[in-house]
Amino acid sequence: MTTPHAITTLAELEARYAEAGEASLAKEVDHLHPHYRAFVEAAPLCLLSTVGGEYAECSPRGDAPGFVQVLDERTLLLPDRRGNNRIDSLRNIVADPRVGLLFLIPGVNETIRVAGTALVSVDPALIARCVIDGKAPATVLVISIQSVFFQCARALVRSKLWDPATQVARNSLPSNGTILADLSRHAIDGAAYDQTQPERLKQTLY
């Protein structure tokens, strides 16, 4: 398949854009500066990107602010809370340790980008740091920082992400049960899945 309009060289790509400004370059450091640490510790949500096999992936990770712990200025600790047990991100990290994280704070339009490498750890001392309600994560990610900088507000301002007026009613989209019933050709009872989901979610957060 030919793609006549695809950019295939760095020279072609760079010709389409102006040079990065001084501020865009000055904001990047190779460690968690105290200013950036404040953002990380205030964030209840981060997006974790990993590389594996034929493609890259991204998954949300969230908990109370500070759930991503700062071990030192070059190391973060991210607990792997209960999920669907697909462990896609963890499989990827075992095969290729490169990761990226994007930290989001409700009401704040700037985000923090972290790039580095990660390992999947079962160190009892690290796991003990992440226990909530007596429940420990199966593993924790130990993330070695290589780059940190803030992403300007344009994307979140354009998206109006934090504007209550733009919130979408969940029932305006297909339910999880509807999706599962259709994709499984009704081997999964979608109505039953939707009915039990609220309690299931409540019981399996940790």
Protein backbone atom coordinates (compact mmCIF):
# COMPACT_ATOMS: atom_id res chain seq x y z
CA MET A 1 0.00 0.00 0.00
CA THR A 2 1.49 3.34 -1.04
CA THR A 3 1.13 6.44 1.14
CA PRO A 4 2.14 9.35 -1.06
CA HIS A 5 1.49 11.99 1.58
CA ALA A 6 3.34 10.28 4.42
CA ILE A 7 6.41 11.95 5.89
CA THR A 8 9.22 9.42 5.98
CA THR A 9 12.33 11.41 6.94
CA LEU A 10 13.23 13.73 9.78
CA ALA A 11 14.20 16.41 7.30
CA GLU A 12 10.70 16.39 5.78
CA LEU A 13 9.13 16.50 9.23
CA GLU A 14 11.28 19.32 10.56
CA ALA A 15 10.61 21.38 7.44
CA ARG A 16 6.91 21.53 8.39
CA TYR A 17 7.52 23.11 11.80
CA ALA A 18 9.29 26.09 13.31
CA GLU A 19 12.15 25.50 15.71
CA ALA A 20 11.24 24.85 19.33
CA GLY A 21 11.34 28.00 21.44
CA GLU A 22 13.73 28.63 24.30
CA ALA A 23 11.08 27.88 26.94
CA SER A 24 10.21 24.56 25.28
CA LEU A 25 13.79 23.42 25.71
CA ALA A 26 14.56 25.02 29.08
CA LYS A 27 11.70 23.22 30.84
CA GLU A 28 13.15 19.72 30.29
CA VAL A 29 15.39 18.19 32.96
CA ASP A 30 16.71 14.70 33.65
CA HIS A 31 15.37 14.47 37.20
CA LEU A 32 12.29 15.28 39.25
CA HIS A 33 12.86 18.94 40.14
CA PRO A 34 10.96 20.03 43.30
CA HIS A 35 8.55 22.06 41.14
CA TYR A 36 7.72 18.97 39.08
CA ARG A 37 7.51 16.82 42.20
CA ALA A 38 4.69 19.05 43.45
CA PHE A 39 2.67 18.23 40.34
CA VAL A 40 3.36 14.48 40.52
CA GLU A 41 2.31 14.34 44.16
CA ALA A 42 -0.90 16.27 43.42
CA ALA A 43 -1.96 14.03 40.54
CA PRO A 44 -4.68 11.38 41.07
CA LEU A 45 -4.27 10.08 37.52
CA CYS A 46 -1.45 9.24 35.16
CA LEU A 47 -1.35 7.61 31.76
CA LEU A 48 1.30 4.92 31.37
CA SER A 49 2.67 4.23 27.88
CA THR A 50 4.67 1.11 27.09
CA VAL A 51 6.15 -0.56 24.03
CA GLY A 52 5.60 -4.19 23.22
CA GLY A 53 5.60 -6.48 20.23
CA GLU A 54 4.21 -4.80 17.14
CA TYR A 55 2.78 -1.66 18.73
CA ALA A 56 2.80 0.73 21.68
CA GLU A 57 0.06 0.92 24.30
CA CYS A 58 -1.25 3.35 26.88
CA SER A 59 -3.27 2.65 30.02
CA PRO A 60 -4.70 4.81 32.84
CA ARG A 61 -3.43 4.48 36.41
CA GLY A 62 -5.24 6.29 39.19
CA ASP A 63 -5.69 6.58 42.94
CA ALA A 64 -5.59 9.24 45.63
CA PRO A 65 -3.05 12.03 44.98
CA GLY A 66 0.43 10.82 45.83
CA PHE A 67 -0.27 7.26 44.69
CA VAL A 68 2.81 7.54 42.48
CA GLN A 69 5.46 7.76 45.17
CA VAL A 70 8.72 9.66 44.82
CA LEU A 71 11.59 7.52 46.06
CA ASP A 72 14.17 10.12 45.07
CA GLU A 73 14.67 12.73 42.36
CA ARG A 74 15.34 10.04 39.76
CA THR A 75 13.00 7.24 40.87
CA LEU A 76 9.22 6.82 41.04
CA LEU A 77 7.18 3.96 42.48
CA LEU A 78 3.88 3.05 40.79
CA PRO A 79 1.75 0.29 42.39
CA ASP A 80 -0.11 -2.02 40.06
CA ARG A 81 -3.59 -2.01 41.56
CA ARG A 82 -6.25 -4.60 40.80
CA GLY A 83 -7.42 -4.68 37.21
CA ASN A 84 -8.51 -7.09 34.52
CA ASN A 85 -5.40 -9.30 34.82
CA ARG A 86 -4.49 -8.83 31.16
CA ILE A 87 -1.22 -7.28 32.46
CA ASP A 88 -0.52 -5.87 28.99
CA SER A 89 1.65 -3.03 30.29
CA LEU A 90 3.61 -5.31 32.61
CA ARG A 91 4.26 -7.81 29.83
CA ASN A 92 5.54 -4.97 27.68
CA ILE A 93 7.87 -3.67 30.39
CA VAL A 94 9.38 -7.11 30.96
CA ALA A 95 10.15 -7.25 27.23
CA ASP A 96 11.06 -3.56 26.75
CA PRO A 97 11.59 -1.31 29.79
CA ARG A 98 10.92 2.03 28.04
CA VAL A 99 7.96 3.90 29.52
CA GLY A 100 6.29 7.30 29.41
CA LEU A 101 3.93 8.82 31.97
CA LEU A 102 1.55 11.74 31.66
CA PHE A 103 0.28 13.17 34.96
CA LEU A 104 -3.10 14.95 35.10
CA ILE A 105 -4.54 17.05 37.92
CA PRO A 106 -8.25 18.00 37.92
CA GLY A 107 -8.67 21.68 37.21
CA VAL A 108 -5.06 22.14 36.08
CA ASN A 109 -4.48 22.44 32.33
CA GLU A 110 -0.74 21.79 32.37
CA THR A 111 0.39 18.17 32.52
CA ILE A 112 3.72 16.62 33.48
CA ARG A 113 5.50 14.27 31.11
CA VAL A 114 8.00 11.73 32.42
CA ALA A 115 10.07 9.40 30.26
CA GLY A 116 12.41 6.68 31.41
CA THR A 117 12.62 2.97 32.04
CA ALA A 118 10.77 0.68 34.43
CA LEU A 119 11.11 -2.69 36.05
CA VAL A 120 8.41 -4.85 37.62
CA SER A 121 9.29 -5.48 41.26
CA VAL A 122 8.00 -7.78 44.00
CA ASP A 123 10.30 -6.31 46.64
CA PRO A 124 8.37 -6.81 49.92
CA ALA A 125 9.50 -3.44 51.28
CA LEU A 126 8.27 -1.58 48.21
CA ILE A 127 4.98 -3.46 48.12
CA ALA A 128 4.46 -2.70 51.82
CA ARG A 129 4.68 1.02 51.03
CA CYS A 130 1.66 0.65 48.75
CA VAL A 131 -0.76 -1.24 50.98
CA ILE A 132 -4.25 0.31 51.18
CA ASP A 133 -7.05 -1.04 53.39
CA GLY A 134 -4.82 -3.99 54.18
CA LYS A 135 -4.55 -4.94 50.51
CA ALA A 136 -1.23 -4.97 48.70
CA PRO A 137 -0.62 -4.67 44.96
CA ALA A 138 0.71 -7.79 43.28
CA THR A 139 3.68 -5.83 41.93
CA VAL A 140 5.05 -2.32 41.76
CA LEU A 141 6.80 -0.51 38.94
CA VAL A 142 10.12 1.08 39.79
CA ILE A 143 10.57 3.86 37.26
CA SER A 144 13.98 5.37 36.53
CA ILE A 145 13.58 8.93 35.29
CA GLN A 146 15.41 10.14 32.20
CA SER A 147 13.36 13.18 31.20
CA VAL A 148 10.73 15.40 32.84
CA PHE A 149 8.96 18.50 31.57
CA PHE A 150 5.59 20.22 31.69
CA GLN A 151 3.26 20.12 28.70
CA CYS A 152 1.63 23.48 28.04
CA ALA A 153 -2.10 23.99 28.53
CA ARG A 154 -3.23 24.16 24.89
CA ALA A 155 -4.51 20.58 24.53
CA LEU A 156 -6.60 20.66 27.70
CA VAL A 157 -7.85 24.18 27.02
CA ARG A 158 -8.95 23.17 23.52
CA SER A 159 -10.60 20.00 24.81
CA LYS A 160 -12.32 21.78 27.73
CA LEU A 161 -11.61 18.62 29.70
CA TRP A 162 -12.31 20.12 33.13
CA ASP A 163 -15.34 22.17 32.07
CA PRO A 164 -18.48 20.64 33.70
CA ALA A 165 -20.54 21.86 30.75
CA THR A 166 -18.70 19.49 28.41
CA GLN A 167 -19.16 16.33 30.48
CA VAL A 168 -20.75 13.47 28.58
CA ALA A 169 -23.55 11.39 30.11
CA ARG A 170 -22.33 7.80 30.43
CA ASN A 171 -25.67 6.43 29.21
CA SER A 172 -25.21 8.26 25.91
CA LEU A 173 -22.57 5.69 24.96
CA PRO A 174 -22.68 1.88 24.71
CA SER A 175 -22.48 0.22 28.12
CA ASN A 176 -19.68 -2.21 28.96
CA GLY A 177 -22.20 -5.03 28.96
CA THR A 178 -23.49 -4.07 25.52
CA ILE A 179 -19.95 -4.06 24.13
CA LEU A 180 -19.09 -7.42 25.71
CA ALA A 181 -22.33 -9.06 24.59
CA ASP A 182 -21.86 -7.98 20.99
CA LEU A 183 -18.14 -8.80 20.77
CA SER A 184 -18.64 -12.20 22.43
CA ARG A 185 -21.66 -12.91 20.20
CA HIS A 186 -23.73 -13.00 23.39
CA ALA A 187 -21.62 -15.63 25.12
CA ILE A 188 -21.42 -12.99 27.85
CA ASP A 189 -24.72 -11.80 29.33
CA GLY A 190 -24.40 -8.06 28.85
CA ALA A 191 -27.38 -7.07 30.96
CA ALA A 192 -26.15 -9.15 33.89
CA TYR A 193 -22.67 -7.69 33.51
CA ASP A 194 -24.00 -4.14 33.66
CA GLN A 195 -26.24 -4.93 36.62
CA THR A 196 -23.43 -6.35 38.75
CA GLN A 197 -20.74 -3.88 37.65
CA PRO A 198 -21.24 -1.17 40.33
CA GLU A 199 -20.89 -3.62 43.21
CA ARG A 200 -18.09 -5.52 41.46
CA LEU A 201 -16.16 -2.29 41.00
CA LYS A 202 -16.71 -1.32 44.62
CA GLN A 203 -15.44 -4.70 45.87
CA THR A 204 -12.39 -4.90 43.62
CA LEU A 205 -10.80 -1.44 43.75
CA TYR A 206 -7.88 -2.78 45.82
